[in-house]
Amino acid sequence: MLAVLSVEVRKLNRSLALLLAAAAPTLIAIFAFAMVLRSEKPSEWSMWIGSGTAIWAYFMLPMCVTALTALVAHMEHGPRSWDHLRALPVPRWTLYASKAICVIGLVVIMSAAVLAMTIGAVAVGGLVKPDAAAVGRLDLAAHAWVLAQMALAAVLMIALQFWTAIRFASFVPGLVLGIGGTFFAVVATSAKQGVFMPWQMPVNILATEAWRVQTALMLGGGLGLVVLAAAVIHLARREG
């Protein structure tokens, strides 16, 4: 398993996945920097970090998962290399599990980058415009915990996107699923039923109602791991 995983990591180094992983947090940081420059008065650190985290959960995270799973799948679909991979003397499930682990790992890295780059952007913005510099206490551990919970709540969404992207040679079904899921998650943000939408579960970590947070963690994380395991088993048993 470790050998297969190391191969997948090397494949990522030669793909556009790392560029995507850097671009999304950078865009959020640029937005935060611009907002600091537009501000006429100081704001709390919690407000700045909360804004960046909300953008990540509402839009960037779902769309990045859609793109990442499509890129990871296309690395094999494009050159039609699945037959070669399935013929290797390794358990088939490790081929799919290693790809899923890479996607989840990149999401975790991107989540950490969102926090680090947002803090950096706000700090630099404060240097450029001292009148709008962030004030108050920067509770780094609390913000990191929120982003960690978002990553866990996103597992179900990752599992569904990964399953679709690997199952179909065309990238269209995965893109349609991701764009559609993100759209309905955004328009149904305040709906009580929206808490059960996989694409909305990371956003629910920011909810003030405790039941929404708990539901997102239990379904997004717990059920997500079950669905991810089912996806790996199903894909490993397929012949074509």
C-alpha atoms as a PDB file:
ATOM      1  CA  MET A   1       0.000   0.000   0.000  1.00  0.00           C
ATOM      2  CA  LEU A   2       2.795   2.457   0.871  1.00  0.00           C
ATOM      3  CA  ALA A   3       4.549   1.728  -2.432  1.00  0.00           C
ATOM      4  CA  VAL A   4       1.351   2.372  -4.415  1.00  0.00           C
ATOM      5  CA  LEU A   5       0.695   5.533  -2.417  1.00  0.00           C
ATOM      6  CA  SER A   6       4.193   6.851  -3.104  1.00  0.00           C
ATOM      7  CA  VAL A   7       3.636   6.325  -6.835  1.00  0.00           C
ATOM      8  CA  GLU A   8       0.402   8.318  -6.659  1.00  0.00           C
ATOM      9  CA  VAL A   9       2.172  11.148  -4.865  1.00  0.00           C
ATOM     10  CA  ARG A  10       4.804  11.266  -7.617  1.00  0.00           C
ATOM     11  CA  LYS A  11       2.035  11.363 -10.230  1.00  0.00           C
ATOM     12  CA  LEU A  12       0.514  14.361  -8.473  1.00  0.00           C
ATOM     13  CA  ASN A  13       3.852  16.161  -8.688  1.00  0.00           C
ATOM     14  CA  ARG A  14       3.641  15.927 -12.476  1.00  0.00           C
ATOM     15  CA  SER A  15       0.005  17.004 -12.705  1.00  0.00           C
ATOM     16  CA  LEU A  16      -1.990  20.220 -12.371  1.00  0.00           C
ATOM     17  CA  ALA A  17      -3.332  19.128  -8.979  1.00  0.00           C
ATOM     18  CA  LEU A  18      -0.600  20.936  -7.052  1.00  0.00           C
ATOM     19  CA  LEU A  19      -1.231  24.097  -9.053  1.00  0.00           C
ATOM     20  CA  LEU A  20      -4.900  23.907  -8.110  1.00  0.00           C
ATOM     21  CA  ALA A  21      -3.979  23.230  -4.486  1.00  0.00           C
ATOM     22  CA  ALA A  22      -1.934  26.442  -4.437  1.00  0.00           C
ATOM     23  CA  ALA A  23      -4.311  28.575  -6.506  1.00  0.00           C
ATOM     24  CA  ALA A  24      -7.453  28.226  -4.392  1.00  0.00           C
ATOM     25  CA  PRO A  25      -5.941  29.374  -1.056  1.00  0.00           C
ATOM     26  CA  THR A  26      -4.068  32.124  -2.913  1.00  0.00           C
ATOM     27  CA  LEU A  27      -7.308  33.525  -4.347  1.00  0.00           C
ATOM     28  CA  ILE A  28      -8.855  33.624  -0.876  1.00  0.00           C
ATOM     29  CA  ALA A  29      -5.755  35.385   0.466  1.00  0.00           C
ATOM     30  CA  ILE A  30      -5.859  37.956  -2.346  1.00  0.00           C
ATOM     31  CA  PHE A  31      -9.499  38.646  -1.543  1.00  0.00           C
ATOM     32  CA  ALA A  32      -8.675  39.096   2.152  1.00  0.00           C
ATOM     33  CA  PHE A  33      -5.803  41.455   1.313  1.00  0.00           C
ATOM     34  CA  ALA A  34      -8.051  43.544  -0.940  1.00  0.00           C
ATOM     35  CA  MET A  35     -10.735  43.747   1.735  1.00  0.00           C
ATOM     36  CA  VAL A  36      -8.216  44.987   4.285  1.00  0.00           C
ATOM     37  CA  LEU A  37      -7.147  47.741   1.904  1.00  0.00           C
ATOM     38  CA  ARG A  38     -10.778  48.722   1.378  1.00  0.00           C
ATOM     39  CA  SER A  39     -11.556  48.788   5.081  1.00  0.00           C
ATOM     40  CA  GLU A  40     -11.730  52.155   6.831  1.00  0.00           C
ATOM     41  CA  LYS A  41     -11.406  50.847  10.378  1.00  0.00           C
ATOM     42  CA  PRO A  42      -9.783  47.943  12.231  1.00  0.00           C
ATOM     43  CA  SER A  43     -11.605  44.608  12.481  1.00  0.00           C
ATOM     44  CA  GLU A  44     -11.087  41.608  14.724  1.00  0.00           C
ATOM     45  CA  TRP A  45      -8.876  38.763  13.593  1.00  0.00           C
ATOM     46  CA  SER A  46     -11.841  36.430  14.041  1.00  0.00           C
ATOM     47  CA  MET A  47     -13.802  38.396  11.434  1.00  0.00           C
ATOM     48  CA  TRP A  48     -11.042  38.225   8.823  1.00  0.00           C
ATOM     49  CA  ILE A  49     -10.289  34.537   9.367  1.00  0.00           C
ATOM     50  CA  GLY A  50     -13.993  33.723   9.549  1.00  0.00           C
ATOM     51  CA  SER A  51     -14.602  35.403   6.195  1.00  0.00           C
ATOM     52  CA  GLY A  52     -11.858  33.412   4.508  1.00  0.00           C
ATOM     53  CA  THR A  53     -13.064  30.193   6.103  1.00  0.00           C
ATOM     54  CA  ALA A  54     -16.640  30.845   4.958  1.00  0.00           C
ATOM     55  CA  ILE A  55     -15.536  31.426   1.358  1.00  0.00           C
ATOM     56  CA  TRP A  56     -13.586  28.178   1.503  1.00  0.00           C
ATOM     57  CA  ALA A  57     -16.545  26.198   2.850  1.00  0.00           C
ATOM     58  CA  TYR A  58     -19.267  27.729   0.671  1.00  0.00           C
ATOM     59  CA  PHE A  59     -17.631  27.644  -2.728  1.00  0.00           C
ATOM     60  CA  MET A  60     -13.921  26.928  -2.997  1.00  0.00           C
ATOM     61  CA  LEU A  61     -13.889  23.584  -1.173  1.00  0.00           C
ATOM     62  CA  PRO A  62     -16.721  21.941  -3.177  1.00  0.00           C
ATOM     63  CA  MET A  63     -15.354  23.185  -6.498  1.00  0.00           C
ATOM     64  CA  CYS A  64     -11.788  22.167  -5.600  1.00  0.00           C
ATOM     65  CA  VAL A  65     -12.963  18.660  -4.688  1.00  0.00           C
ATOM     66  CA  THR A  66     -14.751  18.462  -8.041  1.00  0.00           C
ATOM     67  CA  ALA A  67     -11.618  19.545  -9.901  1.00  0.00           C
ATOM     68  CA  LEU A  68      -9.210  17.416  -7.858  1.00  0.00           C
ATOM     69  CA  THR A  69     -11.169  14.195  -8.303  1.00  0.00           C
ATOM     70  CA  ALA A  70     -11.480  14.890 -12.036  1.00  0.00           C
ATOM     71  CA  LEU A  71      -7.719  15.490 -12.323  1.00  0.00           C
ATOM     72  CA  VAL A  72      -6.820  12.377 -10.341  1.00  0.00           C
ATOM     73  CA  ALA A  73      -9.162  10.235 -12.431  1.00  0.00           C
ATOM     74  CA  HIS A  74      -8.012  11.748 -15.737  1.00  0.00           C
ATOM     75  CA  MET A  75      -4.411  10.751 -15.010  1.00  0.00           C
ATOM     76  CA  GLU A  76      -5.533   7.179 -15.776  1.00  0.00           C
ATOM     77  CA  HIS A  77      -8.569   7.749 -17.995  1.00  0.00           C
ATOM     78  CA  GLY A  78      -6.646  10.023 -20.364  1.00  0.00           C
ATOM     79  CA  PRO A  79      -3.866   7.603 -21.379  1.00  0.00           C
ATOM     80  CA  ARG A  80      -6.217   4.600 -20.884  1.00  0.00           C
ATOM     81  CA  SER A  81      -3.856   3.055 -18.357  1.00  0.00           C
ATOM     82  CA  TRP A  82      -6.384   1.302 -16.110  1.00  0.00           C
ATOM     83  CA  ASP A  83      -5.871  -2.076 -17.806  1.00  0.00           C
ATOM     84  CA  HIS A  84      -2.143  -1.817 -17.169  1.00  0.00           C
ATOM     85  CA  LEU A  85      -2.654  -0.822 -13.530  1.00  0.00           C
ATOM     86  CA  ARG A  86      -5.130  -3.634 -12.857  1.00  0.00           C
ATOM     87  CA  ALA A  87      -2.606  -6.125 -14.229  1.00  0.00           C
ATOM     88  CA  LEU A  88       0.043  -5.131 -11.686  1.00  0.00           C
ATOM     89  CA  PRO A  89       0.802  -7.653  -8.894  1.00  0.00           C
ATOM     90  CA  VAL A  90      -0.793  -5.521  -6.179  1.00  0.00           C
ATOM     91  CA  PRO A  91      -4.280  -5.707  -4.634  1.00  0.00           C
ATOM     92  CA  ARG A  92      -6.627  -3.713  -6.823  1.00  0.00           C
ATOM     93  CA  TRP A  93      -8.190  -1.914  -3.903  1.00  0.00           C
ATOM     94  CA  THR A  94      -4.857  -0.253  -3.108  1.00  0.00           C
ATOM     95  CA  LEU A  95      -4.899   1.483  -6.514  1.00  0.00           C
ATOM     96  CA  TYR A  96      -8.150   3.248  -5.703  1.00  0.00           C
ATOM     97  CA  ALA A  97      -7.548   3.726  -1.996  1.00  0.00           C
ATOM     98  CA  SER A  98      -4.238   5.460  -2.647  1.00  0.00           C
ATOM     99  CA  LYS A  99      -5.907   7.916  -5.040  1.00  0.00           C
ATOM    100  CA  ALA A 100      -8.636   8.667  -2.502  1.00  0.00           C
ATOM    101  CA  ILE A 101      -6.039   9.233   0.224  1.00  0.00           C
ATOM    102  CA  CYS A 102      -4.186  11.655  -2.037  1.00  0.00           C
ATOM    103  CA  VAL A 103      -7.344  13.675  -2.656  1.00  0.00           C
ATOM    104  CA  ILE A 104      -8.171  13.844   1.057  1.00  0.00           C
ATOM    105  CA  GLY A 105      -4.562  14.714   1.850  1.00  0.00           C
ATOM    106  CA  LEU A 106      -4.614  17.588  -0.636  1.00  0.00           C
ATOM    107  CA  VAL A 107      -7.861  18.891   0.868  1.00  0.00           C
ATOM    108  CA  VAL A 108      -6.253  18.892   4.316  1.00  0.00           C
ATOM    109  CA  ILE A 109      -3.163  20.680   2.976  1.00  0.00           C
ATOM    110  CA  MET A 110      -5.320  23.241   1.191  1.00  0.00           C
ATOM    111  CA  SER A 111      -7.328  23.829   4.369  1.00  0.00           C
ATOM    112  CA  ALA A 112      -4.129  24.567   6.269  1.00  0.00           C
ATOM    113  CA  ALA A 113      -2.974  26.834   3.437  1.00  0.00           C
ATOM    114  CA  VAL A 114      -6.250  28.788   3.566  1.00  0.00           C
ATOM    115  CA  LEU A 115      -5.619  29.582   7.234  1.00  0.00           C
ATOM    116  CA  ALA A 116      -1.925  30.380   6.844  1.00  0.00           C
ATOM    117  CA  MET A 117      -2.278  32.471   3.703  1.00  0.00           C
ATOM    118  CA  THR A 118      -5.297  34.387   5.000  1.00  0.00           C
ATOM    119  CA  ILE A 119      -3.394  35.303   8.162  1.00  0.00           C
ATOM    120  CA  GLY A 120      -0.422  36.368   6.045  1.00  0.00           C
ATOM    121  CA  ALA A 121      -2.567  38.427   3.678  1.00  0.00           C
ATOM    122  CA  VAL A 122      -4.349  40.239   6.522  1.00  0.00           C
ATOM    123  CA  ALA A 123      -1.028  40.904   8.268  1.00  0.00           C
ATOM    124  CA  VAL A 124       0.529  42.336   5.105  1.00  0.00           C
ATOM    125  CA  GLY A 125      -2.602  44.379   4.464  1.00  0.00           C
ATOM    126  CA  GLY A 126      -2.275  45.823   7.953  1.00  0.00           C
ATOM    127  CA  LEU A 127       1.289  46.864   7.222  1.00  0.00           C
ATOM    128  CA  VAL A 128       0.252  48.572   3.994  1.00  0.00           C
ATOM    129  CA  LYS A 129      -2.733  50.260   5.660  1.00  0.00           C
ATOM    130  CA  PRO A 130      -2.115  50.527   9.438  1.00  0.00           C
ATOM    131  CA  ASP A 131      -5.511  52.129  10.063  1.00  0.00           C
ATOM    132  CA  ALA A 132      -7.196  48.884   9.006  1.00  0.00           C
ATOM    133  CA  ALA A 133      -4.795  46.461  10.702  1.00  0.00           C
ATOM    134  CA  ALA A 134      -6.427  43.481  12.418  1.00  0.00           C
ATOM    135  CA  VAL A 135      -6.959  43.796  16.151  1.00  0.00           C
ATOM    136  CA  GLY A 136      -7.787  41.464  18.994  1.00  0.00           C
ATOM    137  CA  ARG A 137      -6.520  37.991  19.766  1.00  0.00           C
ATOM    138  CA  LEU A 138      -5.655  35.570  17.002  1.00  0.00           C
ATOM    139  CA  ASP A 139      -6.915  32.207  18.268  1.00  0.00           C
ATOM    140  CA  LEU A 140      -4.979  30.034  15.855  1.00  0.00           C
ATOM    141  CA  ALA A 141      -5.969  26.733  17.488  1.00  0.00           C
ATOM    142  CA  ALA A 142      -9.699  27.516  17.305  1.00  0.00           C
ATOM    143  CA  HIS A 143      -9.561  28.473  13.627  1.00  0.00           C
ATOM    144  CA  ALA A 144      -7.470  25.401  12.797  1.00  0.00           C
ATOM    145  CA  TRP A 145     -10.015  23.211  14.602  1.00  0.00           C
ATOM    146  CA  VAL A 146     -12.861  24.663  12.539  1.00  0.00           C
ATOM    147  CA  LEU A 147     -11.013  23.944   9.288  1.00  0.00           C
ATOM    148  CA  ALA A 148     -10.163  20.428  10.471  1.00  0.00           C
ATOM    149  CA  GLN A 149     -13.849  19.760  11.141  1.00  0.00           C
ATOM    150  CA  MET A 150     -14.699  21.094   7.686  1.00  0.00           C
ATOM    151  CA  ALA A 151     -12.241  18.655   6.117  1.00  0.00           C
ATOM    152  CA  LEU A 152     -13.840  15.789   8.048  1.00  0.00           C
ATOM    153  CA  ALA A 153     -17.359  16.890   7.099  1.00  0.00           C
ATOM    154  CA  ALA A 154     -16.274  16.987   3.444  1.00  0.00           C
ATOM    155  CA  VAL A 155     -15.375  13.269   3.302  1.00  0.00           C
ATOM    156  CA  LEU A 156     -18.843  12.227   2.097  1.00  0.00           C
ATOM    157  CA  MET A 157     -18.715  14.824  -0.680  1.00  0.00           C
ATOM    158  CA  ILE A 158     -15.192  13.671  -1.586  1.00  0.00           C
ATOM    159  CA  ALA A 159     -16.310  10.031  -1.661  1.00  0.00           C
ATOM    160  CA  LEU A 160     -19.228  10.738  -4.030  1.00  0.00           C
ATOM    161  CA  GLN A 161     -17.137  12.906  -6.339  1.00  0.00           C
ATOM    162  CA  PHE A 162     -14.280  10.396  -6.328  1.00  0.00           C
ATOM    163  CA  TRP A 163     -16.590   7.461  -7.048  1.00  0.00           C
ATOM    164  CA  THR A 164     -18.173   9.290  -9.999  1.00  0.00           C
ATOM    165  CA  ALA A 165     -14.888  10.577 -11.425  1.00  0.00           C
ATOM    166  CA  ILE A 166     -13.232   7.136 -11.378  1.00  0.00           C
ATOM    167  CA  ARG A 167     -16.325   5.234 -12.510  1.00  0.00           C
ATOM    168  CA  PHE A 168     -16.859   7.246 -15.713  1.00  0.00           C
ATOM    169  CA  ALA A 169     -14.119   7.786 -18.274  1.00  0.00           C
ATOM    170  CA  SER A 170     -15.628  11.134 -19.234  1.00  0.00           C
ATOM    171  CA  PHE A 171     -15.064  14.009 -16.811  1.00  0.00           C
ATOM    172  CA  VAL A 172     -18.553  15.410 -17.549  1.00  0.00           C
ATOM    173  CA  PRO A 173     -20.569  13.343 -14.991  1.00  0.00           C
ATOM    174  CA  GLY A 174     -18.230  14.372 -12.181  1.00  0.00           C
ATOM    175  CA  LEU A 175     -18.352  18.033 -13.161  1.00  0.00           C
ATOM    176  CA  VAL A 176     -22.147  17.996 -13.431  1.00  0.00           C
ATOM    177  CA  LEU A 177     -22.410  16.361 -10.013  1.00  0.00           C
ATOM    178  CA  GLY A 178     -20.013  18.852  -8.423  1.00  0.00           C
ATOM    179  CA  ILE A 179     -21.493  21.967  -9.999  1.00  0.00           C
ATOM    180  CA  GLY A 180     -25.049  20.833  -9.314  1.00  0.00           C
ATOM    181  CA  GLY A 181     -24.270  19.865  -5.727  1.00  0.00           C
ATOM    182  CA  THR A 182     -22.550  23.192  -5.059  1.00  0.00           C
ATOM    183  CA  PHE A 183     -25.427  25.143  -6.611  1.00  0.00           C
ATOM    184  CA  PHE A 184     -28.128  23.462  -4.547  1.00  0.00           C
ATOM    185  CA  ALA A 185     -26.001  23.682  -1.391  1.00  0.00           C
ATOM    186  CA  VAL A 186     -25.680  27.450  -1.835  1.00  0.00           C
ATOM    187  CA  VAL A 187     -29.364  28.125  -2.567  1.00  0.00           C
ATOM    188  CA  ALA A 188     -30.484  25.799   0.253  1.00  0.00           C
ATOM    189  CA  THR A 189     -28.087  27.095   2.890  1.00  0.00           C
ATOM    190  CA  SER A 190     -30.801  28.201   5.297  1.00  0.00           C
ATOM    191  CA  ALA A 191     -33.117  25.232   4.649  1.00  0.00           C
ATOM    192  CA  LYS A 192     -33.329  22.662   7.425  1.00  0.00           C
ATOM    193  CA  GLN A 193     -33.197  19.831   4.864  1.00  0.00           C
ATOM    194  CA  GLY A 194     -29.972  21.273   3.460  1.00  0.00           C
ATOM    195  CA  VAL A 195     -28.039  19.838   6.370  1.00  0.00           C
ATOM    196  CA  PHE A 196     -28.299  16.431   4.696  1.00  0.00           C
ATOM    197  CA  MET A 197     -26.671  17.604   1.459  1.00  0.00           C
ATOM    198  CA  PRO A 198     -23.044  16.395   1.259  1.00  0.00           C
ATOM    199  CA  TRP A 199     -21.922  19.606  -0.462  1.00  0.00           C
ATOM    200  CA  GLN A 200     -23.368  21.716   2.364  1.00  0.00           C
ATOM    201  CA  MET A 201     -21.871  19.774   5.264  1.00  0.00           C
ATOM    202  CA  PRO A 202     -18.601  21.769   5.452  1.00  0.00           C
ATOM    203  CA  VAL A 203     -20.651  24.987   5.627  1.00  0.00           C
ATOM    204  CA  ASN A 204     -22.713  23.602   8.504  1.00  0.00           C
ATOM    205  CA  ILE A 205     -19.584  23.512  10.654  1.00  0.00           C
ATOM    206  CA  LEU A 206     -20.017  27.307  10.837  1.00  0.00           C
ATOM    207  CA  ALA A 207     -23.650  27.028  11.979  1.00  0.00           C
ATOM    208  CA  THR A 208     -24.685  28.374  15.351  1.00  0.00           C
ATOM    209  CA  GLU A 209     -27.025  25.410  15.941  1.00  0.00           C
ATOM    210  CA  ALA A 210     -25.120  22.545  17.537  1.00  0.00           C
ATOM    211  CA  TRP A 211     -27.266  19.907  15.834  1.00  0.00           C
ATOM    212  CA  ARG A 212     -26.170  21.114  12.397  1.00  0.00           C
ATOM    213  CA  VAL A 213     -22.502  20.790  13.337  1.00  0.00           C
ATOM    214  CA  GLN A 214     -23.007  17.341  14.851  1.00  0.00           C
ATOM    215  CA  THR A 215     -25.006  16.143  11.843  1.00  0.00           C
ATOM    216  CA  ALA A 216     -22.337  17.385   9.452  1.00  0.00           C
ATOM    217  CA  LEU A 217     -19.615  15.573  11.370  1.00  0.00           C
ATOM    218  CA  MET A 218     -21.554  12.316  11.762  1.00  0.00           C
ATOM    219  CA  LEU A 219     -22.847  12.135   8.198  1.00  0.00           C
ATOM    220  CA  GLY A 220     -20.021  13.912   6.426  1.00  0.00           C
ATOM    221  CA  GLY A 221     -17.281  12.144   8.350  1.00  0.00           C
ATOM    222  CA  GLY A 222     -18.754   8.859   9.595  1.00  0.00           C
ATOM    223  CA  LEU A 223     -20.995   8.005   6.660  1.00  0.00           C
ATOM    224  CA  GLY A 224     -18.407   9.512   4.333  1.00  0.00           C
ATOM    225  CA  LEU A 225     -15.797   6.927   5.365  1.00  0.00           C
ATOM    226  CA  VAL A 226     -18.334   4.128   4.813  1.00  0.00           C
ATOM    227  CA  VAL A 227     -19.222   5.431   1.340  1.00  0.00           C
ATOM    228  CA  LEU A 228     -15.540   5.861   0.503  1.00  0.00           C
ATOM    229  CA  ALA A 229     -14.845   2.251   1.491  1.00  0.00           C
ATOM    230  CA  ALA A 230     -17.824   1.092  -0.596  1.00  0.00           C
ATOM    231  CA  ALA A 231     -16.517   3.077  -3.562  1.00  0.00           C
ATOM    232  CA  VAL A 232     -13.063   1.498  -3.316  1.00  0.00           C
ATOM    233  CA  ILE A 233     -14.567  -2.016  -3.058  1.00  0.00           C
ATOM    234  CA  HIS A 234     -16.915  -1.451  -5.984  1.00  0.00           C
ATOM    235  CA  LEU A 235     -14.244   0.036  -8.226  1.00  0.00           C
ATOM    236  CA  ALA A 236     -11.791  -2.735  -7.353  1.00  0.00           C
ATOM    237  CA  ARG A 237     -14.308  -5.413  -8.415  1.00  0.00           C
ATOM    238  CA  ARG A 238     -15.081  -3.829 -11.764  1.00  0.00           C
ATOM    239  CA  GLU A 239     -13.436  -5.316 -14.821  1.00  0.00           C
ATOM    240  CA  GLY A 240     -13.937  -2.434 -17.237  1.00  0.00           C
END
